[in-house]
Amino acid sequence: MQVAVFSTKSYDRQFLEAENTARGGRHRLVFLEPRLSAETALLADGAQAVCLFVNDQADARTLARLSAQGVGLIALRCAGFNNVDLAAARQLGIRVGRVPAYSPEAVAEHTLAMMLCLNRRIHRAYARVREGNFALEGLLGFDMKGKTVGVIGTGRIGSALLRILSGFGCRLLAYDPQPNPELPAAYVPFATLLAESDIITLHCPLTPGTRHLIDAPAIARMKPGVMLINTSRGAIVDTRAVIEGLKSGRIGLLGLDVYEEEADLFFEDLSDQVIQDDVFARLLTFPNVLITAHQAFFTEEALRAIARATFDNLDAFAEGGVPVHEVSTEKLA
């Protein structure tokens, strides 16, 4: 098939081309830098499949244009699928495949790195030392041992993080509609996790039910000075409510690898521009906030796994019309 790859970066090209070559180069990859939208859909003309990432938008209007051009498969090179209108895809006969798991450890380890960096103020200490400031005031942290960590969402990533944290001697709480009794955590109601956790970390998918799961009422139930980490999807957190939580001191430390309006920011070099997003700019003013630009997944192992699963979907669709890791409204019901 001809496959139009949107939102292409150098690393996408490197790993996707390597996987395609390893499989005999049966697909023709067309790499495109722009994000997919209704306006850029015409770039996929001649393709039977499009390969998308998290900030590509496959809404009903875009899907209609892709379908008219002969596109039959949306191959997501990510786990999330909230940027695809699945109902519209079904009506148009477009199949949707995703990468259900690539390297849960990559995201779990990045989450832990954010916890440790915020706790011991490593980001601030690094900047101080480079300026010749060796004072320790303002860098006081705490022992992870004995602290209560609440993990919201215990799929592959949340499970990997719980196993890592068990080695730190933390008290582990979990919240998930489908508990896993084999994990080293006590499942508790959502309100209990909010009230008892010293650290709260988010690992649930973005759905209508989880959008703004962390809002003003949820923040009000948290311990004063709580550490909040989000490496899942930006819109799970109400950013304006979090800013108020930082101002009041209810949130003592905040780590974000995702942001609900990240599409206009992340994955691009904007260092010579003025950031127009006032909410994001406000976040950057807090000394107790650490932001990374959606890099939790970014390891060699994860990118190889993403490429493999993506081509599993492409090959299966080319041979039988159905991707291996299909997402559909029926399967989500």
C-alpha atoms as a PDB file:
ATOM      1  CA  MET A   1       0.000   0.000   0.000  1.00  0.00           C
ATOM      2  CA  GLN A   2       0.914   3.651  -0.190  1.00  0.00           C
ATOM      3  CA  VAL A   3       0.928   5.088   3.333  1.00  0.00           C
ATOM      4  CA  ALA A   4       0.855   8.825   4.080  1.00  0.00           C
ATOM      5  CA  VAL A   5       2.684   9.441   7.368  1.00  0.00           C
ATOM      6  CA  PHE A   6       1.594  12.718   8.958  1.00  0.00           C
ATOM      7  CA  SER A   7       3.397  14.731  11.681  1.00  0.00           C
ATOM      8  CA  THR A   8       6.698  13.216  10.604  1.00  0.00           C
ATOM      9  CA  LYS A   9       9.878  13.905  12.557  1.00  0.00           C
ATOM     10  CA  SER A  10      13.332  12.533  11.813  1.00  0.00           C
ATOM     11  CA  TYR A  11      12.940   9.763  14.371  1.00  0.00           C
ATOM     12  CA  ASP A  12       9.602   8.654  12.870  1.00  0.00           C
ATOM     13  CA  ARG A  13      11.243   8.289   9.478  1.00  0.00           C
ATOM     14  CA  GLN A  14      14.230   6.429  10.935  1.00  0.00           C
ATOM     15  CA  PHE A  15      12.279   3.754  12.782  1.00  0.00           C
ATOM     16  CA  LEU A  16       9.422   3.341  10.302  1.00  0.00           C
ATOM     17  CA  GLU A  17      11.764   3.007   7.329  1.00  0.00           C
ATOM     18  CA  ALA A  18      13.900   0.480   9.216  1.00  0.00           C
ATOM     19  CA  GLU A  19      10.849  -1.665  10.006  1.00  0.00           C
ATOM     20  CA  ASN A  20       9.507  -1.419   6.459  1.00  0.00           C
ATOM     21  CA  THR A  21      12.902  -2.470   5.079  1.00  0.00           C
ATOM     22  CA  ALA A  22      13.116  -5.382   7.513  1.00  0.00           C
ATOM     23  CA  ARG A  23       9.770  -6.619   6.136  1.00  0.00           C
ATOM     24  CA  GLY A  24      10.866  -6.404   2.522  1.00  0.00           C
ATOM     25  CA  GLY A  25       9.760  -2.831   1.828  1.00  0.00           C
ATOM     26  CA  ARG A  26       6.297  -3.900   0.743  1.00  0.00           C
ATOM     27  CA  HIS A  27       4.684  -0.530   1.555  1.00  0.00           C
ATOM     28  CA  ARG A  28       5.481   2.852   0.026  1.00  0.00           C
ATOM     29  CA  LEU A  29       5.820   5.431   2.790  1.00  0.00           C
ATOM     30  CA  VAL A  30       5.199   9.097   2.026  1.00  0.00           C
ATOM     31  CA  PHE A  31       6.477  11.222   4.899  1.00  0.00           C
ATOM     32  CA  LEU A  32       4.648  14.496   5.553  1.00  0.00           C
ATOM     33  CA  GLU A  33       5.617  17.112   8.127  1.00  0.00           C
ATOM     34  CA  PRO A  34       2.191  18.772   8.560  1.00  0.00           C
ATOM     35  CA  ARG A  35      -0.385  17.497  11.045  1.00  0.00           C
ATOM     36  CA  LEU A  36      -3.472  15.888   9.588  1.00  0.00           C
ATOM     37  CA  SER A  37      -6.529  18.119   9.400  1.00  0.00           C
ATOM     38  CA  ALA A  38      -9.349  18.702   6.953  1.00  0.00           C
ATOM     39  CA  GLU A  39      -7.078  21.192   5.189  1.00  0.00           C
ATOM     40  CA  THR A  40      -4.055  18.872   4.901  1.00  0.00           C
ATOM     41  CA  ALA A  41      -5.997  15.697   4.085  1.00  0.00           C
ATOM     42  CA  LEU A  42      -5.412  16.293   0.381  1.00  0.00           C
ATOM     43  CA  LEU A  43      -1.732  15.470   0.954  1.00  0.00           C
ATOM     44  CA  ALA A  44      -2.799  11.831   1.353  1.00  0.00           C
ATOM     45  CA  ASP A  45      -4.097  11.647  -2.211  1.00  0.00           C
ATOM     46  CA  GLY A  46      -3.178   8.262  -3.672  1.00  0.00           C
ATOM     47  CA  ALA A  47      -2.690   6.608  -0.299  1.00  0.00           C
ATOM     48  CA  GLN A  48      -4.687   3.624   0.928  1.00  0.00           C
ATOM     49  CA  ALA A  49      -3.693   4.264   4.556  1.00  0.00           C
ATOM     50  CA  VAL A  50      -2.624   7.189   6.714  1.00  0.00           C
ATOM     51  CA  CYS A  51      -0.342   6.922   9.747  1.00  0.00           C
ATOM     52  CA  LEU A  52      -1.148   9.397  12.528  1.00  0.00           C
ATOM     53  CA  PHE A  53       0.230  10.585  15.859  1.00  0.00           C
ATOM     54  CA  VAL A  54      -1.360  12.206  18.900  1.00  0.00           C
ATOM     55  CA  ASN A  55      -1.876  15.726  17.528  1.00  0.00           C
ATOM     56  CA  ASP A  56      -3.298  14.707  14.157  1.00  0.00           C
ATOM     57  CA  GLN A  57      -7.038  15.334  13.959  1.00  0.00           C
ATOM     58  CA  ALA A  58      -9.213  12.728  12.263  1.00  0.00           C
ATOM     59  CA  ASP A  59     -12.609  14.319  12.821  1.00  0.00           C
ATOM     60  CA  ALA A  60     -15.667  13.608  10.678  1.00  0.00           C
ATOM     61  CA  ARG A  61     -14.825  16.267   8.097  1.00  0.00           C
ATOM     62  CA  THR A  62     -11.252  15.063   7.724  1.00  0.00           C
ATOM     63  CA  LEU A  63     -12.298  11.415   7.533  1.00  0.00           C
ATOM     64  CA  ALA A  64     -14.824  12.212   4.801  1.00  0.00           C
ATOM     65  CA  ARG A  65     -12.073  13.771   2.705  1.00  0.00           C
ATOM     66  CA  LEU A  66      -9.745  10.832   3.306  1.00  0.00           C
ATOM     67  CA  SER A  67     -12.460   8.350   2.391  1.00  0.00           C
ATOM     68  CA  ALA A  68     -13.208  10.203  -0.844  1.00  0.00           C
ATOM     69  CA  GLN A  69      -9.516   9.851  -1.735  1.00  0.00           C
ATOM     70  CA  GLY A  70      -9.564   6.102  -1.165  1.00  0.00           C
ATOM     71  CA  VAL A  71      -8.073   5.869   2.327  1.00  0.00           C
ATOM     72  CA  GLY A  72      -9.343   2.762   4.114  1.00  0.00           C
ATOM     73  CA  LEU A  73      -7.120   2.611   7.204  1.00  0.00           C
ATOM     74  CA  ILE A  74      -6.132   4.974   9.997  1.00  0.00           C
ATOM     75  CA  ALA A  75      -2.925   3.520  11.468  1.00  0.00           C
ATOM     76  CA  LEU A  76      -2.259   5.275  14.771  1.00  0.00           C
ATOM     77  CA  ARG A  77       1.331   5.092  15.956  1.00  0.00           C
ATOM     78  CA  CYS A  78       0.212   5.688  19.530  1.00  0.00           C
ATOM     79  CA  ALA A  79      -2.026   4.055  22.121  1.00  0.00           C
ATOM     80  CA  GLY A  80      -4.562   6.870  22.448  1.00  0.00           C
ATOM     81  CA  PHE A  81      -7.365   7.254  19.914  1.00  0.00           C
ATOM     82  CA  ASN A  82      -9.307  10.246  21.253  1.00  0.00           C
ATOM     83  CA  ASN A  83      -8.301  12.254  18.151  1.00  0.00           C
ATOM     84  CA  VAL A  84     -10.286   9.944  15.848  1.00  0.00           C
ATOM     85  CA  ASP A  85     -14.056  10.159  15.380  1.00  0.00           C
ATOM     86  CA  LEU A  86     -14.716   6.410  15.574  1.00  0.00           C
ATOM     87  CA  ALA A  87     -18.422   6.725  14.767  1.00  0.00           C
ATOM     88  CA  ALA A  88     -17.657   8.665  11.590  1.00  0.00           C
ATOM     89  CA  ALA A  89     -14.936   6.184  10.654  1.00  0.00           C
ATOM     90  CA  ARG A  90     -17.407   3.332  11.009  1.00  0.00           C
ATOM     91  CA  GLN A  91     -19.997   5.058   8.818  1.00  0.00           C
ATOM     92  CA  LEU A  92     -17.379   5.665   6.129  1.00  0.00           C
ATOM     93  CA  GLY A  93     -15.994   2.136   6.309  1.00  0.00           C
ATOM     94  CA  ILE A  94     -12.564   3.282   7.471  1.00  0.00           C
ATOM     95  CA  ARG A  95     -10.757   0.879   9.789  1.00  0.00           C
ATOM     96  CA  VAL A  96      -8.766   2.223  12.726  1.00  0.00           C
ATOM     97  CA  GLY A  97      -5.739   0.478  14.205  1.00  0.00           C
ATOM     98  CA  ARG A  98      -3.562   1.603  17.091  1.00  0.00           C
ATOM     99  CA  VAL A  99      -0.475   0.585  19.062  1.00  0.00           C
ATOM    100  CA  PRO A 100      -1.973  -0.779  22.287  1.00  0.00           C
ATOM    101  CA  ALA A 101       1.377  -1.227  24.027  1.00  0.00           C
ATOM    102  CA  TYR A 102       4.885  -0.267  22.997  1.00  0.00           C
ATOM    103  CA  SER A 103       6.987   0.152  26.136  1.00  0.00           C
ATOM    104  CA  PRO A 104       4.991   0.654  29.319  1.00  0.00           C
ATOM    105  CA  GLU A 105       8.307   0.856  31.142  1.00  0.00           C
ATOM    106  CA  ALA A 106       9.326   3.917  29.110  1.00  0.00           C
ATOM    107  CA  VAL A 107       6.385   5.972  30.376  1.00  0.00           C
ATOM    108  CA  ALA A 108       6.543   4.498  33.881  1.00  0.00           C
ATOM    109  CA  GLU A 109      10.244   5.293  34.200  1.00  0.00           C
ATOM    110  CA  HIS A 110       9.739   8.848  32.937  1.00  0.00           C
ATOM    111  CA  THR A 111       6.952   9.274  35.493  1.00  0.00           C
ATOM    112  CA  LEU A 112       9.310   8.159  38.245  1.00  0.00           C
ATOM    113  CA  ALA A 113      12.005  10.504  36.923  1.00  0.00           C
ATOM    114  CA  MET A 114       9.574  13.413  37.188  1.00  0.00           C
ATOM    115  CA  MET A 115       8.674  12.417  40.754  1.00  0.00           C
ATOM    116  CA  LEU A 116      12.314  12.285  41.846  1.00  0.00           C
ATOM    117  CA  CYS A 117      13.258  15.458  39.987  1.00  0.00           C
ATOM    118  CA  LEU A 118      10.421  17.443  41.547  1.00  0.00           C
ATOM    119  CA  ASN A 119      10.928  15.985  45.004  1.00  0.00           C
ATOM    120  CA  ARG A 120      14.661  16.726  45.160  1.00  0.00           C
ATOM    121  CA  ARG A 121      14.374  19.898  43.040  1.00  0.00           C
ATOM    122  CA  ILE A 122      17.012  18.558  40.653  1.00  0.00           C
ATOM    123  CA  HIS A 123      15.896  20.871  37.836  1.00  0.00           C
ATOM    124  CA  ARG A 124      16.369  23.898  40.068  1.00  0.00           C
ATOM    125  CA  ALA A 125      19.648  22.618  41.546  1.00  0.00           C
ATOM    126  CA  TYR A 126      21.059  22.054  38.052  1.00  0.00           C
ATOM    127  CA  ALA A 127      20.306  25.635  37.020  1.00  0.00           C
ATOM    128  CA  ARG A 128      21.715  27.049  40.276  1.00  0.00           C
ATOM    129  CA  VAL A 129      25.038  25.227  40.091  1.00  0.00           C
ATOM    130  CA  ARG A 130      25.580  26.356  36.498  1.00  0.00           C
ATOM    131  CA  GLU A 131      25.264  29.933  37.790  1.00  0.00           C
ATOM    132  CA  GLY A 132      27.692  29.346  40.658  1.00  0.00           C
ATOM    133  CA  ASN A 133      24.964  29.155  43.330  1.00  0.00           C
ATOM    134  CA  PHE A 134      25.662  26.234  45.665  1.00  0.00           C
ATOM    135  CA  ALA A 135      23.154  27.127  48.395  1.00  0.00           C
ATOM    136  CA  LEU A 136      20.690  24.463  49.526  1.00  0.00           C
ATOM    137  CA  GLU A 137      17.841  26.722  50.649  1.00  0.00           C
ATOM    138  CA  GLY A 138      14.654  25.889  48.749  1.00  0.00           C
ATOM    139  CA  LEU A 139      15.858  22.428  47.686  1.00  0.00           C
ATOM    140  CA  LEU A 140      14.513  20.413  50.626  1.00  0.00           C
ATOM    141  CA  GLY A 141      12.898  17.139  49.582  1.00  0.00           C
ATOM    142  CA  PHE A 142      11.438  14.100  51.332  1.00  0.00           C
ATOM    143  CA  ASP A 143      12.080  10.367  51.533  1.00  0.00           C
ATOM    144  CA  MET A 144       9.962   8.376  49.092  1.00  0.00           C
ATOM    145  CA  LYS A 145       9.944   5.483  51.557  1.00  0.00           C
ATOM    146  CA  GLY A 146       6.752   5.481  53.554  1.00  0.00           C
ATOM    147  CA  LYS A 147       4.937   7.997  51.376  1.00  0.00           C
ATOM    148  CA  THR A 148       1.527   7.149  49.919  1.00  0.00           C
ATOM    149  CA  VAL A 149       1.393   7.119  46.131  1.00  0.00           C
ATOM    150  CA  GLY A 150      -1.974   6.970  44.377  1.00  0.00           C
ATOM    151  CA  VAL A 151      -2.007   5.571  40.839  1.00  0.00           C
ATOM    152  CA  ILE A 152      -5.108   6.359  38.777  1.00  0.00           C
ATOM    153  CA  GLY A 153      -5.355   3.814  35.986  1.00  0.00           C
ATOM    154  CA  THR A 154      -3.656   0.444  36.326  1.00  0.00           C
ATOM    155  CA  GLY A 155      -3.287  -0.700  32.742  1.00  0.00           C
ATOM    156  CA  ARG A 156       0.115  -1.633  31.390  1.00  0.00           C
ATOM    157  CA  ILE A 157       1.788   1.680  32.295  1.00  0.00           C
ATOM    158  CA  GLY A 158       0.190   2.063  35.711  1.00  0.00           C
ATOM    159  CA  SER A 159       1.038  -1.550  36.513  1.00  0.00           C
ATOM    160  CA  ALA A 160       4.678  -1.052  35.492  1.00  0.00           C
ATOM    161  CA  LEU A 161       4.917   2.037  37.694  1.00  0.00           C
ATOM    162  CA  LEU A 162       3.406   0.244  40.686  1.00  0.00           C
ATOM    163  CA  ARG A 163       5.982  -2.527  40.405  1.00  0.00           C
ATOM    164  CA  ILE A 164       8.778   0.045  40.294  1.00  0.00           C
ATOM    165  CA  LEU A 165       7.419   2.019  43.248  1.00  0.00           C
ATOM    166  CA  SER A 166       7.064  -1.110  45.359  1.00  0.00           C
ATOM    167  CA  GLY A 167      10.866  -1.157  45.522  1.00  0.00           C
ATOM    168  CA  PHE A 168      10.897   2.297  47.108  1.00  0.00           C
ATOM    169  CA  GLY A 169       8.892   1.156  50.114  1.00  0.00           C
ATOM    170  CA  CYS A 170       5.905   3.363  49.292  1.00  0.00           C
ATOM    171  CA  ARG A 171       2.370   2.706  50.416  1.00  0.00           C
ATOM    172  CA  LEU A 172       0.564   2.135  47.134  1.00  0.00           C
ATOM    173  CA  LEU A 173      -3.081   2.954  46.390  1.00  0.00           C
ATOM    174  CA  ALA A 174      -4.830   2.421  43.080  1.00  0.00           C
ATOM    175  CA  TYR A 175      -8.058   3.368  41.388  1.00  0.00           C
ATOM    176  CA  ASP A 176      -9.364   1.646  38.257  1.00  0.00           C
ATOM    177  CA  PRO A 177     -12.796   0.372  37.179  1.00  0.00           C
ATOM    178  CA  GLN A 178     -11.119  -2.991  36.492  1.00  0.00           C
ATOM    179  CA  PRO A 179      -8.868  -3.856  39.455  1.00  0.00           C
ATOM    180  CA  ASN A 180      -5.905  -6.182  39.029  1.00  0.00           C
ATOM    181  CA  PRO A 181      -5.497  -8.257  42.212  1.00  0.00           C
ATOM    182  CA  GLU A 182      -1.946  -9.253  41.245  1.00  0.00           C
ATOM    183  CA  LEU A 183      -0.596  -5.716  41.600  1.00  0.00           C
ATOM    184  CA  PRO A 184       1.181  -4.546  44.790  1.00  0.00           C
ATOM    185  CA  ALA A 185      -1.452  -1.925  45.574  1.00  0.00           C
ATOM    186  CA  ALA A 186      -4.672  -1.512  47.531  1.00  0.00           C
ATOM    187  CA  TYR A 187      -7.616  -0.527  45.338  1.00  0.00           C
ATOM    188  CA  VAL A 188      -9.645   2.238  46.955  1.00  0.00           C
ATOM    189  CA  PRO A 189     -12.448   4.603  45.910  1.00  0.00           C
ATOM    190  CA  PHE A 190     -11.399   7.664  43.922  1.00  0.00           C
ATOM    191  CA  ALA A 191     -12.163  10.041  46.795  1.00  0.00           C
ATOM    192  CA  THR A 192     -10.075   7.958  49.209  1.00  0.00           C
ATOM    193  CA  LEU A 193      -7.094   7.974  46.869  1.00  0.00           C
ATOM    194  CA  LEU A 194      -7.301  11.752  46.514  1.00  0.00           C
ATOM    195  CA  ALA A 195      -7.527  12.299  50.259  1.00  0.00           C
ATOM    196  CA  GLU A 196      -4.748   9.932  51.366  1.00  0.00           C
ATOM    197  CA  SER A 197      -2.065  10.232  48.661  1.00  0.00           C
ATOM    198  CA  ASP A 198       1.102  12.283  49.021  1.00  0.00           C
ATOM    199  CA  ILE A 199       1.753  11.742  45.311  1.00  0.00           C
ATOM    200  CA  ILE A 200      -0.942  11.246  42.659  1.00  0.00           C
ATOM    201  CA  THR A 201      -0.070  10.055  39.173  1.00  0.00           C
ATOM    202  CA  LEU A 202      -2.413   9.680  36.191  1.00  0.00           C
ATOM    203  CA  HIS A 203      -2.313   6.729  33.782  1.00  0.00           C
ATOM    204  CA  CYS A 204      -5.865   6.450  32.448  1.00  0.00           C
ATOM    205  CA  PRO A 205      -7.022   6.979  28.852  1.00  0.00           C
ATOM    206  CA  LEU A 206      -8.816  10.134  27.787  1.00  0.00           C
ATOM    207  CA  THR A 207     -12.523   9.405  27.406  1.00  0.00           C
ATOM    208  CA  PRO A 208     -15.628  11.550  27.939  1.00  0.00           C
ATOM    209  CA  GLY A 209     -15.716  10.143  31.468  1.00  0.00           C
ATOM    210  CA  THR A 210     -12.106  11.046  32.318  1.00  0.00           C
ATOM    211  CA  ARG A 211     -11.950  14.479  30.705  1.00  0.00           C
ATOM    212  CA  HIS A 212     -11.087  16.951  33.487  1.00  0.00           C
ATOM    213  CA  LEU A 213     -11.111  14.104  35.987  1.00  0.00           C
ATOM    214  CA  ILE A 214      -8.762  16.290  37.997  1.00  0.00           C
ATOM    215  CA  ASP A 215     -10.869  19.414  38.394  1.00  0.00           C
ATOM    216  CA  ALA A 216     -11.392  21.958  41.184  1.00  0.00           C
ATOM    217  CA  PRO A 217     -13.544  19.649  43.392  1.00  0.00           C
ATOM    218  CA  ALA A 218     -11.019  16.808  42.998  1.00  0.00           C
ATOM    219  CA  ILE A 219      -8.124  19.108  43.890  1.00  0.00           C
ATOM    220  CA  ALA A 220     -10.010  20.332  46.961  1.00  0.00           C
ATOM    221  CA  ARG A 221     -10.093  16.726  48.260  1.00  0.00           C
ATOM    222  CA  MET A 222      -6.315  16.296  47.980  1.00  0.00           C
ATOM    223  CA  LYS A 223      -3.775  16.621  50.772  1.00  0.00           C
ATOM    224  CA  PRO A 224      -2.263  20.109  51.083  1.00  0.00           C
ATOM    225  CA  GLY A 225       1.065  20.127  49.258  1.00  0.00           C
ATOM    226  CA  VAL A 226       0.319  17.025  47.155  1.00  0.00           C
ATOM    227  CA  MET A 227       2.529  16.135  44.186  1.00  0.00           C
ATOM    228  CA  LEU A 228       0.511  15.642  40.982  1.00  0.00           C
ATOM    229  CA  ILE A 229       1.981  13.955  37.884  1.00  0.00           C
ATOM    230  CA  ASN A 230       0.326  13.560  34.477  1.00  0.00           C
ATOM    231  CA  THR A 231       1.992  11.498  31.746  1.00  0.00           C
ATOM    232  CA  SER A 232      -1.244  10.220  30.176  1.00  0.00           C
ATOM    233  CA  ARG A 233      -3.354  12.767  28.271  1.00  0.00           C
ATOM    234  CA  GLY A 234      -3.481  16.497  28.881  1.00  0.00           C
ATOM    235  CA  ALA A 235      -7.245  16.945  29.019  1.00  0.00           C
ATOM    236  CA  ILE A 236      -7.562  14.604  31.996  1.00  0.00           C
ATOM    237  CA  VAL A 237      -6.424  17.631  33.987  1.00  0.00           C
ATOM    238  CA  ASP A 238      -8.311  20.937  34.125  1.00  0.00           C
ATOM    239  CA  THR A 239      -5.289  23.204  33.738  1.00  0.00           C
ATOM    240  CA  ARG A 240      -6.954  26.354  35.068  1.00  0.00           C
ATOM    241  CA  ALA A 241      -8.067  24.481  38.192  1.00  0.00           C
ATOM    242  CA  VAL A 242      -4.529  23.163  38.653  1.00  0.00           C
ATOM    243  CA  ILE A 243      -3.139  26.698  38.454  1.00  0.00           C
ATOM    244  CA  GLU A 244      -5.519  27.747  41.226  1.00  0.00           C
ATOM    245  CA  GLY A 245      -4.380  24.695  43.197  1.00  0.00           C
ATOM    246  CA  LEU A 246      -0.745  25.778  42.790  1.00  0.00           C
ATOM    247  CA  LYS A 247      -1.550  29.327  43.889  1.00  0.00           C
ATOM    248  CA  SER A 248      -3.362  28.117  47.013  1.00  0.00           C
ATOM    249  CA  GLY A 249      -0.658  25.591  47.899  1.00  0.00           C
ATOM    250  CA  ARG A 250      -3.030  22.626  47.687  1.00  0.00           C
ATOM    251  CA  ILE A 251      -0.789  21.337  44.897  1.00  0.00           C
ATOM    252  CA  GLY A 252       2.785  21.547  46.125  1.00  0.00           C
ATOM    253  CA  LEU A 253       4.529  20.010  43.138  1.00  0.00           C
ATOM    254  CA  LEU A 254       3.312  19.496  39.575  1.00  0.00           C
ATOM    255  CA  GLY A 255       4.823  17.397  36.800  1.00  0.00           C
ATOM    256  CA  LEU A 256       3.296  17.438  33.312  1.00  0.00           C
ATOM    257  CA  ASP A 257       4.457  15.550  30.247  1.00  0.00           C
ATOM    258  CA  VAL A 258       1.175  16.354  28.508  1.00  0.00           C
ATOM    259  CA  TYR A 259      -0.993  19.457  28.243  1.00  0.00           C
ATOM    260  CA  GLU A 260      -4.580  19.787  27.083  1.00  0.00           C
ATOM    261  CA  GLU A 261      -3.726  22.416  24.442  1.00  0.00           C
ATOM    262  CA  GLU A 262      -0.389  20.903  23.481  1.00  0.00           C
ATOM    263  CA  ALA A 263      -1.171  20.519  19.772  1.00  0.00           C
ATOM    264  CA  ASP A 264       0.064  24.046  19.025  1.00  0.00           C
ATOM    265  CA  LEU A 265       3.199  23.661  21.156  1.00  0.00           C
ATOM    266  CA  PHE A 266       4.678  20.228  21.597  1.00  0.00           C
ATOM    267  CA  PHE A 267       7.013  18.504  19.125  1.00  0.00           C
ATOM    268  CA  GLU A 268       8.061  21.863  17.621  1.00  0.00           C
ATOM    269  CA  ASP A 269      10.983  24.238  18.240  1.00  0.00           C
ATOM    270  CA  LEU A 270       9.347  27.513  19.246  1.00  0.00           C
ATOM    271  CA  SER A 271      12.387  28.926  21.043  1.00  0.00           C
ATOM    272  CA  ASP A 272      12.491  32.031  18.827  1.00  0.00           C
ATOM    273  CA  GLN A 273       8.785  32.777  19.168  1.00  0.00           C
ATOM    274  CA  VAL A 274       6.521  34.294  21.803  1.00  0.00           C
ATOM    275  CA  ILE A 275       4.252  31.620  23.263  1.00  0.00           C
ATOM    276  CA  GLN A 276       0.693  32.785  22.678  1.00  0.00           C
ATOM    277  CA  ASP A 277      -0.931  30.354  25.132  1.00  0.00           C
ATOM    278  CA  ASP A 278      -1.361  32.426  28.301  1.00  0.00           C
ATOM    279  CA  VAL A 279      -2.401  29.441  30.419  1.00  0.00           C
ATOM    280  CA  PHE A 280       0.728  27.490  29.494  1.00  0.00           C
ATOM    281  CA  ALA A 281       2.872  30.575  30.007  1.00  0.00           C
ATOM    282  CA  ARG A 282       1.406  30.938  33.513  1.00  0.00           C
ATOM    283  CA  LEU A 283       2.406  27.362  34.324  1.00  0.00           C
ATOM    284  CA  LEU A 284       5.998  28.153  33.399  1.00  0.00           C
ATOM    285  CA  THR A 285       6.171  30.882  36.070  1.00  0.00           C
ATOM    286  CA  PHE A 286       5.868  28.436  38.988  1.00  0.00           C
ATOM    287  CA  PRO A 287       9.161  27.182  40.469  1.00  0.00           C
ATOM    288  CA  ASN A 288       7.481  23.981  41.647  1.00  0.00           C
ATOM    289  CA  VAL A 289       6.300  22.936  38.167  1.00  0.00           C
ATOM    290  CA  LEU A 290       8.220  20.623  35.840  1.00  0.00           C
ATOM    291  CA  ILE A 291       7.055  20.280  32.232  1.00  0.00           C
ATOM    292  CA  THR A 292       8.405  17.981  29.555  1.00  0.00           C
ATOM    293  CA  ALA A 293       7.067  18.015  25.997  1.00  0.00           C
ATOM    294  CA  HIS A 294       5.319  14.643  25.663  1.00  0.00           C
ATOM    295  CA  GLN A 295       8.581  12.704  25.774  1.00  0.00           C
ATOM    296  CA  ALA A 296       7.674   9.956  28.260  1.00  0.00           C
ATOM    297  CA  PHE A 297       7.334   7.423  25.422  1.00  0.00           C
ATOM    298  CA  PHE A 298      10.582   8.497  23.758  1.00  0.00           C
ATOM    299  CA  THR A 299      13.016   5.581  24.040  1.00  0.00           C
ATOM    300  CA  GLU A 300      14.648   3.459  21.347  1.00  0.00           C
ATOM    301  CA  GLU A 301      12.806   0.377  22.569  1.00  0.00           C
ATOM    302  CA  ALA A 302       9.458   2.146  22.449  1.00  0.00           C
ATOM    303  CA  LEU A 303       9.995   3.554  18.947  1.00  0.00           C
ATOM    304  CA  ARG A 304      10.978   0.127  17.622  1.00  0.00           C
ATOM    305  CA  ALA A 305       7.894  -1.408  19.229  1.00  0.00           C
ATOM    306  CA  ILE A 306       5.664   1.334  17.813  1.00  0.00           C
ATOM    307  CA  ALA A 307       7.032   0.695  14.331  1.00  0.00           C
ATOM    308  CA  ARG A 308       6.479  -3.068  14.659  1.00  0.00           C
ATOM    309  CA  ALA A 309       2.876  -2.711  15.827  1.00  0.00           C
ATOM    310  CA  THR A 310       2.154  -0.094  13.171  1.00  0.00           C
ATOM    311  CA  PHE A 311       3.361  -2.424  10.415  1.00  0.00           C
ATOM    312  CA  ASP A 312       1.471  -5.332  11.951  1.00  0.00           C
ATOM    313  CA  ASN A 313      -1.665  -3.233  11.414  1.00  0.00           C
ATOM    314  CA  LEU A 314      -0.648  -2.209   7.894  1.00  0.00           C
ATOM    315  CA  ASP A 315       0.217  -5.756   6.835  1.00  0.00           C
ATOM    316  CA  ALA A 316      -2.950  -7.249   8.285  1.00  0.00           C
ATOM    317  CA  PHE A 317      -5.116  -4.617   6.611  1.00  0.00           C
ATOM    318  CA  ALA A 318      -3.360  -5.102   3.267  1.00  0.00           C
ATOM    319  CA  GLU A 319      -3.919  -8.851   3.453  1.00  0.00           C
ATOM    320  CA  GLY A 320      -7.342  -9.138   5.060  1.00  0.00           C
ATOM    321  CA  GLY A 321      -8.856  -5.690   5.398  1.00  0.00           C
ATOM    322  CA  VAL A 322      -8.703  -5.587   9.220  1.00  0.00           C
ATOM    323  CA  PRO A 323      -5.820  -4.255  11.353  1.00  0.00           C
ATOM    324  CA  VAL A 324      -4.476  -6.495  14.123  1.00  0.00           C
ATOM    325  CA  HIS A 325      -5.038  -3.937  16.869  1.00  0.00           C
ATOM    326  CA  GLU A 326      -8.367  -2.538  15.738  1.00  0.00           C
ATOM    327  CA  VAL A 327     -10.249   0.178  17.577  1.00  0.00           C
ATOM    328  CA  SER A 328     -13.950   0.497  16.864  1.00  0.00           C
ATOM    329  CA  THR A 329     -17.134   1.714  18.483  1.00  0.00           C
ATOM    330  CA  GLU A 330     -18.289  -1.915  18.811  1.00  0.00           C
ATOM    331  CA  LYS A 331     -15.155  -2.999  20.645  1.00  0.00           C
ATOM    332  CA  LEU A 332     -15.402  -0.025  23.003  1.00  0.00           C
ATOM    333  CA  ALA A 333     -19.035  -0.710  23.833  1.00  0.00           C
END
